[in-house]
Amino acid sequence: MLLVAALVVAAPVCGLSFALGGITARALRLDAPQGASVTLACGMNNSSASAVLITTTLPDRPHVLLPVPAYSLLQKVAAGRVVRAGGRPGVRA
């Protein structure tokens, strides 16, 4: 149940960051490689830092850490889709 909840929380946040990168690339009318760079730069972020912050802030609640690996996994999958799509923003692999 906790894993499902973690995925439900992590998926929209991860998807939104990549979507905003793709929208930005389209709005700037970037070519494919530049668009992929902007999309990846917006979508990829340091989820390890959030794990450290959660651990130090809430050391007695380890279950709160579950969204961090879920987010990290989804982030890698989304980045792979951007790269497989040839760097064309908005194209689904």
PDB file of N, CA and C in Angstrom:
ATOM      1  N   MET A   1       0.813  -1.189   0.000  1.00  0.00           N
ATOM      2  CA  MET A   1       0.000   0.000   0.000  1.00  0.00           C
ATOM      3  C   MET A   1       0.865   1.265   0.000  1.00  0.00           C
ATOM      4  N   LEU A   2       1.941   1.244   0.803  1.00  0.00           N
ATOM      5  CA  LEU A   2       2.832   2.404   0.854  1.00  0.00           C
ATOM      6  C   LEU A   2       3.548   2.621  -0.476  1.00  0.00           C
ATOM      7  N   LEU A   3       3.917   1.533  -1.145  1.00  0.00           N
ATOM      8  CA  LEU A   3       4.585   1.660  -2.439  1.00  0.00           C
ATOM      9  C   LEU A   3       3.659   2.295  -3.472  1.00  0.00           C
ATOM     10  N   VAL A   4       2.421   1.887  -3.481  1.00  0.00           N
ATOM     11  CA  VAL A   4       1.439   2.479  -4.411  1.00  0.00           C
ATOM     12  C   VAL A   4       1.262   3.962  -4.105  1.00  0.00           C
ATOM     13  N   ALA A   5       1.169   4.298  -2.839  1.00  0.00           N
ATOM     14  CA  ALA A   5       1.030   5.708  -2.459  1.00  0.00           C
ATOM     15  C   ALA A   5       2.249   6.511  -2.883  1.00  0.00           C
ATOM     16  N   ALA A   6       3.435   5.932  -2.734  1.00  0.00           N
ATOM     17  CA  ALA A   6       4.661   6.614  -3.145  1.00  0.00           C
ATOM     18  C   ALA A   6       4.667   6.866  -4.648  1.00  0.00           C
ATOM     19  N   LEU A   7       4.241   5.883  -5.419  1.00  0.00           N
ATOM     20  CA  LEU A   7       4.185   6.049  -6.871  1.00  0.00           C
ATOM     21  C   LEU A   7       3.135   7.072  -7.287  1.00  0.00           C
ATOM     22  N   VAL A   8       2.012   7.079  -6.586  1.00  0.00           N
ATOM     23  CA  VAL A   8       0.951   8.048  -6.889  1.00  0.00           C
ATOM     24  C   VAL A   8       1.431   9.470  -6.631  1.00  0.00           C
ATOM     25  N   VAL A   9       2.261   9.651  -5.625  1.00  0.00           N
ATOM     26  CA  VAL A   9       2.801  10.972  -5.322  1.00  0.00           C
ATOM     27  C   VAL A   9       3.934  11.331  -6.276  1.00  0.00           C
ATOM     28  N   ALA A  10       4.826  10.384  -6.533  1.00  0.00           N
ATOM     29  CA  ALA A  10       6.034  10.662  -7.316  1.00  0.00           C
ATOM     30  C   ALA A  10       5.765  10.829  -8.811  1.00  0.00           C
ATOM     31  N   ALA A  11       4.844  10.066  -9.366  1.00  0.00           N
ATOM     32  CA  ALA A  11       4.620  10.093 -10.819  1.00  0.00           C
ATOM     33  C   ALA A  11       4.190  11.462 -11.345  1.00  0.00           C
ATOM     34  N   PRO A  12       3.210  12.120 -10.756  1.00  0.00           N
ATOM     35  CA  PRO A  12       2.836  13.436 -11.304  1.00  0.00           C
ATOM     36  C   PRO A  12       3.925  14.493 -11.140  1.00  0.00           C
ATOM     37  N   VAL A  13       4.649  14.433 -10.032  1.00  0.00           N
ATOM     38  CA  VAL A  13       5.713  15.412  -9.814  1.00  0.00           C
ATOM     39  C   VAL A  13       6.820  15.217 -10.849  1.00  0.00           C
ATOM     40  N   CYS A  14       7.202  13.981 -11.078  1.00  0.00           N
ATOM     41  CA  CYS A  14       8.236  13.686 -12.068  1.00  0.00           C
ATOM     42  C   CYS A  14       7.759  14.038 -13.474  1.00  0.00           C
ATOM     43  N   GLY A  15       6.550  13.631 -13.796  1.00  0.00           N
ATOM     44  CA  GLY A  15       6.008  13.930 -15.127  1.00  0.00           C
ATOM     45  C   GLY A  15       5.891  15.421 -15.380  1.00  0.00           C
ATOM     46  N   LEU A  16       5.513  16.158 -14.358  1.00  0.00           N
ATOM     47  CA  LEU A  16       5.362  17.600 -14.504  1.00  0.00           C
ATOM     48  C   LEU A  16       6.693  18.279 -14.794  1.00  0.00           C
ATOM     49  N   SER A  17       7.755  17.835 -14.140  1.00  0.00           N
ATOM     50  CA  SER A  17       9.051  18.467 -14.379  1.00  0.00           C
ATOM     51  C   SER A  17       9.539  18.226 -15.807  1.00  0.00           C
ATOM     52  N   PHE A  18       9.343  17.013 -16.325  1.00  0.00           N
ATOM     53  CA  PHE A  18       9.729  16.744 -17.713  1.00  0.00           C
ATOM     54  C   PHE A  18       8.797  17.460 -18.689  1.00  0.00           C
ATOM     55  N   ALA A  19       7.527  17.512 -18.375  1.00  0.00           N
ATOM     56  CA  ALA A  19       6.572  18.200 -19.253  1.00  0.00           C
ATOM     57  C   ALA A  19       6.896  19.689 -19.348  1.00  0.00           C
ATOM     58  N   LEU A  20       7.235  20.303 -18.230  1.00  0.00           N
ATOM     59  CA  LEU A  20       7.598  21.723 -18.255  1.00  0.00           C
ATOM     60  C   LEU A  20       8.873  21.952 -19.063  1.00  0.00           C
ATOM     61  N   GLY A  21       9.803  21.016 -19.005  1.00  0.00           N
ATOM     62  CA  GLY A  21      11.003  21.111 -19.835  1.00  0.00           C
ATOM     63  C   GLY A  21      10.667  21.018 -21.316  1.00  0.00           C
ATOM     64  N   GLY A  22       9.776  20.101 -21.670  1.00  0.00           N
ATOM     65  CA  GLY A  22       9.357  19.964 -23.065  1.00  0.00           C
ATOM     66  C   GLY A  22       8.600  21.176 -23.562  1.00  0.00           C
ATOM     67  N   ILE A  23       7.735  21.715 -22.708  1.00  0.00           N
ATOM     68  CA  ILE A  23       6.984  22.918 -23.079  1.00  0.00           C
ATOM     69  C   ILE A  23       7.929  24.096 -23.275  1.00  0.00           C
ATOM     70  N   THR A  24       8.902  24.221 -22.399  1.00  0.00           N
ATOM     71  CA  THR A  24       9.889  25.298 -22.526  1.00  0.00           C
ATOM     72  C   THR A  24      10.679  25.162 -23.819  1.00  0.00           C
ATOM     73  N   ALA A  25      11.090  23.941 -24.144  1.00  0.00           N
ATOM     74  CA  ALA A  25      11.849  23.714 -25.377  1.00  0.00           C
ATOM     75  C   ALA A  25      11.008  24.069 -26.603  1.00  0.00           C
ATOM     76  N   ARG A  26       9.730  23.706 -26.597  1.00  0.00           N
ATOM     77  CA  ARG A  26       8.861  24.059 -27.721  1.00  0.00           C
ATOM     78  C   ARG A  26       8.635  25.565 -27.792  1.00  0.00           C
ATOM     79  N   ALA A  27       8.432  26.193 -26.629  1.00  0.00           N
ATOM     80  CA  ALA A  27       8.187  27.640 -26.606  1.00  0.00           C
ATOM     81  C   ALA A  27       9.400  28.413 -27.130  1.00  0.00           C
ATOM     82  N   LEU A  28      10.575  27.895 -26.864  1.00  0.00           N
ATOM     83  CA  LEU A  28      11.799  28.545 -27.346  1.00  0.00           C
ATOM     84  C   LEU A  28      12.171  28.127 -28.769  1.00  0.00           C
ATOM     85  N   ARG A  29      11.384  27.214 -29.340  1.00  0.00           N
ATOM     86  CA  ARG A  29      11.600  26.686 -30.698  1.00  0.00           C
ATOM     87  C   ARG A  29      13.023  26.147 -30.891  1.00  0.00           C
ATOM     88  N   LEU A  30      13.416  25.315 -29.950  1.00  0.00           N
ATOM     89  CA  LEU A  30      14.753  24.734 -29.997  1.00  0.00           C
ATOM     90  C   LEU A  30      14.781  23.529 -30.929  1.00  0.00           C
ATOM     91  N   ASP A  31      15.942  23.278 -31.518  1.00  0.00           N
ATOM     92  CA  ASP A  31      16.065  22.078 -32.348  1.00  0.00           C
ATOM     93  C   ASP A  31      16.162  20.851 -31.430  1.00  0.00           C
ATOM     94  N   ALA A  32      16.178  19.670 -32.009  1.00  0.00           N
ATOM     95  CA  ALA A  32      16.062  18.430 -31.240  1.00  0.00           C
ATOM     96  C   ALA A  32      17.123  18.265 -30.150  1.00  0.00           C
ATOM     97  N   PRO A  33      18.413  18.402 -30.450  1.00  0.00           N
ATOM     98  CA  PRO A  33      19.401  18.201 -29.372  1.00  0.00           C
ATOM     99  C   PRO A  33      19.283  19.239 -28.249  1.00  0.00           C
ATOM    100  N   GLN A  34      19.053  20.482 -28.608  1.00  0.00           N
ATOM    101  CA  GLN A  34      18.905  21.515 -27.586  1.00  0.00           C
ATOM    102  C   GLN A  34      17.616  21.305 -26.786  1.00  0.00           C
ATOM    103  N   GLY A  35      16.560  20.910 -27.459  1.00  0.00           N
ATOM    104  CA  GLY A  35      15.303  20.630 -26.781  1.00  0.00           C
ATOM    105  C   GLY A  35      15.434  19.491 -25.786  1.00  0.00           C
ATOM    106  N   ALA A  36      16.177  18.457 -26.188  1.00  0.00           N
ATOM    107  CA  ALA A  36      16.408  17.334 -25.272  1.00  0.00           C
ATOM    108  C   ALA A  36      17.207  17.787 -24.061  1.00  0.00           C
ATOM    109  N   SER A  37      18.188  18.636 -24.279  1.00  0.00           N
ATOM    110  CA  SER A  37      18.995  19.138 -23.160  1.00  0.00           C
ATOM    111  C   SER A  37      18.150  19.929 -22.173  1.00  0.00           C
ATOM    112  N   VAL A  38      17.297  20.798 -22.685  1.00  0.00           N
ATOM    113  CA  VAL A  38      16.434  21.591 -21.800  1.00  0.00           C
ATOM    114  C   VAL A  38      15.449  20.681 -21.070  1.00  0.00           C
ATOM    115  N   THR A  39      14.876  19.735 -21.779  1.00  0.00           N
ATOM    116  CA  THR A  39      13.926  18.816 -21.158  1.00  0.00           C
ATOM    117  C   THR A  39      14.592  17.999 -20.065  1.00  0.00           C
ATOM    118  N   LEU A  40      15.780  17.485 -20.346  1.00  0.00           N
ATOM    119  CA  LEU A  40      16.501  16.704 -19.337  1.00  0.00           C
ATOM    120  C   LEU A  40      16.946  17.578 -18.166  1.00  0.00           C
ATOM    121  N   ALA A  41      17.382  18.806 -18.458  1.00  0.00           N
ATOM    122  CA  ALA A  41      17.813  19.705 -17.383  1.00  0.00           C
ATOM    123  C   ALA A  41      16.659  20.043 -16.448  1.00  0.00           C
ATOM    124  N   CYS A  42      15.475  20.204 -16.993  1.00  0.00           N
ATOM    125  CA  CYS A  42      14.309  20.490 -16.149  1.00  0.00           C
ATOM    126  C   CYS A  42      13.822  19.244 -15.418  1.00  0.00           C
ATOM    127  N   GLY A  43      13.901  18.107 -16.065  1.00  0.00           N
ATOM    128  CA  GLY A  43      13.347  16.887 -15.491  1.00  0.00           C
ATOM    129  C   GLY A  43      14.245  16.188 -14.497  1.00  0.00           C
ATOM    130  N   MET A  44      15.548  16.268 -14.698  1.00  0.00           N
ATOM    131  CA  MET A  44      16.470  15.569 -13.807  1.00  0.00           C
ATOM    132  C   MET A  44      16.863  16.489 -12.656  1.00  0.00           C
ATOM    133  N   ASN A  45      16.752  15.998 -11.457  1.00  0.00           N
ATOM    134  CA  ASN A  45      17.190  16.754 -10.296  1.00  0.00           C
ATOM    135  C   ASN A  45      17.698  15.795  -9.236  1.00  0.00           C
ATOM    136  N   ASN A  46      18.279  16.344  -8.208  1.00  0.00           N
ATOM    137  CA  ASN A  46      18.960  15.547  -7.206  1.00  0.00           C
ATOM    138  C   ASN A  46      17.972  15.032  -6.159  1.00  0.00           C
ATOM    139  N   SER A  47      17.489  13.845  -6.355  1.00  0.00           N
ATOM    140  CA  SER A  47      16.557  13.271  -5.379  1.00  0.00           C
ATOM    141  C   SER A  47      17.289  12.753  -4.148  1.00  0.00           C
ATOM    142  N   SER A  48      18.593  12.558  -4.245  1.00  0.00           N
ATOM    143  CA  SER A  48      19.359  12.124  -3.074  1.00  0.00           C
ATOM    144  C   SER A  48      19.374  13.203  -2.006  1.00  0.00           C
ATOM    145  N   ALA A  49      19.408  14.455  -2.425  1.00  0.00           N
ATOM    146  CA  ALA A  49      19.387  15.551  -1.457  1.00  0.00           C
ATOM    147  C   ALA A  49      18.081  15.543  -0.668  1.00  0.00           C
ATOM    148  N   SER A  50      16.987  15.216  -1.332  1.00  0.00           N
ATOM    149  CA  SER A  50      15.710  15.150  -0.614  1.00  0.00           C
ATOM    150  C   SER A  50      15.710  13.997   0.383  1.00  0.00           C
ATOM    151  N   ALA A  51      16.373  12.910   0.054  1.00  0.00           N
ATOM    152  CA  ALA A  51      16.458  11.787   0.993  1.00  0.00           C
ATOM    153  C   ALA A  51      17.229  12.194   2.250  1.00  0.00           C
ATOM    154  N   VAL A  52      18.309  12.934   2.071  1.00  0.00           N
ATOM    155  CA  VAL A  52      19.087  13.406   3.223  1.00  0.00           C
ATOM    156  C   VAL A  52      18.248  14.349   4.067  1.00  0.00           C
ATOM    157  N   LEU A  53      17.549  15.254   3.417  1.00  0.00           N
ATOM    158  CA  LEU A  53      16.708  16.207   4.137  1.00  0.00           C
ATOM    159  C   LEU A  53      15.602  15.502   4.931  1.00  0.00           C
ATOM    160  N   ILE A  54      14.965  14.537   4.304  1.00  0.00           N
ATOM    161  CA  ILE A  54      13.897  13.791   4.987  1.00  0.00           C
ATOM    162  C   ILE A  54      14.461  13.005   6.164  1.00  0.00           C
ATOM    163  N   THR A  55      15.615  12.365   5.960  1.00  0.00           N
ATOM    164  CA  THR A  55      16.221  11.555   7.017  1.00  0.00           C
ATOM    165  C   THR A  55      16.611  12.397   8.221  1.00  0.00           C
ATOM    166  N   THR A  56      17.150  13.571   7.976  1.00  0.00           N
ATOM    167  CA  THR A  56      17.554  14.414   9.100  1.00  0.00           C
ATOM    168  C   THR A  56      16.366  15.085   9.772  1.00  0.00           C
ATOM    169  N   THR A  57      15.335  15.382   9.010  1.00  0.00           N
ATOM    170  CA  THR A  57      14.168  16.054   9.573  1.00  0.00           C
ATOM    171  C   THR A  57      13.227  15.082  10.289  1.00  0.00           C
ATOM    172  N   LEU A  58      13.011  13.928   9.698  1.00  0.00           N
ATOM    173  CA  LEU A  58      12.074  12.943  10.260  1.00  0.00           C
ATOM    174  C   LEU A  58      12.758  11.583  10.458  1.00  0.00           C
ATOM    175  N   PRO A  59      13.736  11.500  11.355  1.00  0.00           N
ATOM    176  CA  PRO A  59      14.490  10.240  11.494  1.00  0.00           C
ATOM    177  C   PRO A  59      13.659   9.070  12.020  1.00  0.00           C
ATOM    178  N   ASP A  60      12.556   9.350  12.693  1.00  0.00           N
ATOM    179  CA  ASP A  60      11.738   8.280  13.257  1.00  0.00           C
ATOM    180  C   ASP A  60      10.648   7.785  12.312  1.00  0.00           C
ATOM    181  N   ARG A  61      10.628   8.303  11.085  1.00  0.00           N
ATOM    182  CA  ARG A  61       9.601   7.895  10.105  1.00  0.00           C
ATOM    183  C   ARG A  61      10.251   7.453   8.783  1.00  0.00           C
ATOM    184  N   PRO A  62      10.843   6.280   8.746  1.00  0.00           N
ATOM    185  CA  PRO A  62      11.529   5.834   7.532  1.00  0.00           C
ATOM    186  C   PRO A  62      10.592   5.620   6.346  1.00  0.00           C
ATOM    187  N   HIS A  63       9.314   5.365   6.590  1.00  0.00           N
ATOM    188  CA  HIS A  63       8.373   5.145   5.489  1.00  0.00           C
ATOM    189  C   HIS A  63       8.180   6.404   4.639  1.00  0.00           C
ATOM    190  N   VAL A  64       8.511   7.564   5.194  1.00  0.00           N
ATOM    191  CA  VAL A  64       8.381   8.814   4.446  1.00  0.00           C
ATOM    192  C   VAL A  64       9.413   8.870   3.316  1.00  0.00           C
ATOM    193  N   LEU A  65      10.461   8.070   3.426  1.00  0.00           N
ATOM    194  CA  LEU A  65      11.497   8.029   2.388  1.00  0.00           C
ATOM    195  C   LEU A  65      11.062   7.283   1.129  1.00  0.00           C
ATOM    196  N   LEU A  66      10.012   6.520   1.178  1.00  0.00           N
ATOM    197  CA  LEU A  66       9.605   5.676   0.049  1.00  0.00           C
ATOM    198  C   LEU A  66       9.368   6.435  -1.257  1.00  0.00           C
ATOM    199  N   PRO A  67       8.801   7.637  -1.255  1.00  0.00           N
ATOM    200  CA  PRO A  67       8.644   8.345  -2.529  1.00  0.00           C
ATOM    201  C   PRO A  67       9.966   8.719  -3.213  1.00  0.00           C
ATOM    202  N   VAL A  68      11.047   8.817  -2.449  1.00  0.00           N
ATOM    203  CA  VAL A  68      12.328   9.215  -3.042  1.00  0.00           C
ATOM    204  C   VAL A  68      12.830   8.171  -4.042  1.00  0.00           C
ATOM    205  N   PRO A  69      12.940   6.884  -3.690  1.00  0.00           N
ATOM    206  CA  PRO A  69      13.376   5.925  -4.710  1.00  0.00           C
ATOM    207  C   PRO A  69      12.349   5.756  -5.838  1.00  0.00           C
ATOM    208  N   ALA A  70      11.064   5.888  -5.510  1.00  0.00           N
ATOM    209  CA  ALA A  70      10.041   5.808  -6.562  1.00  0.00           C
ATOM    210  C   ALA A  70      10.239   6.944  -7.558  1.00  0.00           C
ATOM    211  N   TYR A  71      10.456   8.140  -7.043  1.00  0.00           N
ATOM    212  CA  TYR A  71      10.693   9.303  -7.901  1.00  0.00           C
ATOM    213  C   TYR A  71      11.960   9.111  -8.729  1.00  0.00           C
ATOM    214  N   SER A  72      13.012   8.626  -8.089  1.00  0.00           N
ATOM    215  CA  SER A  72      14.277   8.417  -8.788  1.00  0.00           C
ATOM    216  C   SER A  72      14.128   7.415  -9.927  1.00  0.00           C
ATOM    217  N   LEU A  73      13.414   6.329  -9.685  1.00  0.00           N
ATOM    218  CA  LEU A  73      13.183   5.330 -10.726  1.00  0.00           C
ATOM    219  C   LEU A  73      12.367   5.919 -11.878  1.00  0.00           C
ATOM    220  N   LEU A  74      11.299   6.615 -11.552  1.00  0.00           N
ATOM    221  CA  LEU A  74      10.472   7.233 -12.597  1.00  0.00           C
ATOM    222  C   LEU A  74      11.258   8.281 -13.385  1.00  0.00           C
ATOM    223  N   GLN A  75      12.131   8.975 -12.704  1.00  0.00           N
ATOM    224  CA  GLN A  75      12.951   9.996 -13.351  1.00  0.00           C
ATOM    225  C   GLN A  75      13.866   9.361 -14.403  1.00  0.00           C
ATOM    226  N   LYS A  76      14.467   8.254 -14.074  1.00  0.00           N
ATOM    227  CA  LYS A  76      15.355   7.565 -15.033  1.00  0.00           C
ATOM    228  C   LYS A  76      14.564   7.032 -16.230  1.00  0.00           C
ATOM    229  N   VAL A  77      13.371   6.523 -15.982  1.00  0.00           N
ATOM    230  CA  VAL A  77      12.528   6.024 -17.074  1.00  0.00           C
ATOM    231  C   VAL A  77      12.129   7.174 -18.003  1.00  0.00           C
ATOM    232  N   ALA A  78      11.726   8.293 -17.419  1.00  0.00           N
ATOM    233  CA  ALA A  78      11.331   9.451 -18.228  1.00  0.00           C
ATOM    234  C   ALA A  78      12.514   9.994 -19.027  1.00  0.00           C
ATOM    235  N   ALA A  79      13.686  10.028 -18.425  1.00  0.00           N
ATOM    236  CA  ALA A  79      14.881  10.505 -19.144  1.00  0.00           C
ATOM    237  C   ALA A  79      15.197   9.581 -20.316  1.00  0.00           C
ATOM    238  N   GLY A  80      15.048   8.281 -20.114  1.00  0.00           N
ATOM    239  CA  GLY A  80      15.259   7.340 -21.206  1.00  0.00           C
ATOM    240  C   GLY A  80      14.285   7.559 -22.349  1.00  0.00           C
ATOM    241  N   ARG A  81      13.053   7.888 -22.016  1.00  0.00           N
ATOM    242  CA  ARG A  81      12.053   8.162 -23.062  1.00  0.00           C
ATOM    243  C   ARG A  81      12.412   9.403 -23.858  1.00  0.00           C
ATOM    244  N   VAL A  82      12.909  10.437 -23.170  1.00  0.00           N
ATOM    245  CA  VAL A  82      13.318  11.662 -23.869  1.00  0.00           C
ATOM    246  C   VAL A  82      14.469  11.360 -24.821  1.00  0.00           C
ATOM    247  N   VAL A  83      15.438  10.599 -24.364  1.00  0.00           N
ATOM    248  CA  VAL A  83      16.597  10.272 -25.201  1.00  0.00           C
ATOM    249  C   VAL A  83      16.179   9.377 -26.365  1.00  0.00           C
ATOM    250  N   ARG A  84      15.339   8.371 -26.109  1.00  0.00           N
ATOM    251  CA  ARG A  84      14.881   7.488 -27.196  1.00  0.00           C
ATOM    252  C   ARG A  84      14.051   8.211 -28.227  1.00  0.00           C
ATOM    253  N   ALA A  85      13.362   9.260 -27.830  1.00  0.00           N
ATOM    254  CA  ALA A  85      12.529  10.013 -28.768  1.00  0.00           C
ATOM    255  C   ALA A  85      13.386  10.868 -29.703  1.00  0.00           C
ATOM    256  N   GLY A  86      14.697  10.768 -29.567  1.00  0.00           N
ATOM    257  CA  GLY A  86      15.567  11.522 -30.462  1.00  0.00           C
ATOM    258  C   GLY A  86      15.697  12.974 -30.049  1.00  0.00           C
ATOM    259  N   GLY A  87      15.321  13.276 -28.840  1.00  0.00           N
ATOM    260  CA  GLY A  87      15.465  14.634 -28.360  1.00  0.00           C
ATOM    261  C   GLY A  87      14.379  15.575 -28.846  1.00  0.00           C
ATOM    262  N   ARG A  88      13.372  15.037 -29.527  1.00  0.00           N
ATOM    263  CA  ARG A  88      12.294  15.906 -29.997  1.00  0.00           C
ATOM    264  C   ARG A  88      11.306  16.140 -28.887  1.00  0.00           C
ATOM    265  N   PRO A  89      11.209  17.373 -28.403  1.00  0.00           N
ATOM    266  CA  PRO A  89      10.288  17.643 -27.304  1.00  0.00           C
ATOM    267  C   PRO A  89       8.854  17.307 -27.686  1.00  0.00           C
ATOM    268  N   GLY A  90       8.169  16.670 -26.781  1.00  0.00           N
ATOM    269  CA  GLY A  90       6.761  16.360 -27.002  1.00  0.00           C
ATOM    270  C   GLY A  90       6.514  15.073 -27.756  1.00  0.00           C
ATOM    271  N   VAL A  91       7.574  14.422 -28.254  1.00  0.00           N
ATOM    272  CA  VAL A  91       7.408  13.156 -28.969  1.00  0.00           C
ATOM    273  C   VAL A  91       7.531  12.030 -27.970  1.00  0.00           C
ATOM    274  N   ARG A  92       6.574  11.155 -27.957  1.00  0.00           N
ATOM    275  CA  ARG A  92       6.611  10.030 -27.018  1.00  0.00           C
ATOM    276  C   ARG A  92       7.324   8.842 -27.652  1.00  0.00           C
ATOM    277  N   ALA A  93       8.166   8.214 -26.853  1.00  0.00           N
ATOM    278  CA  ALA A  93       8.916   7.048 -27.353  1.00  0.00           C
ATOM    279  C   ALA A  93       8.049   5.819 -27.289  1.00  0.00           C
TER     280      ALA A  93
END
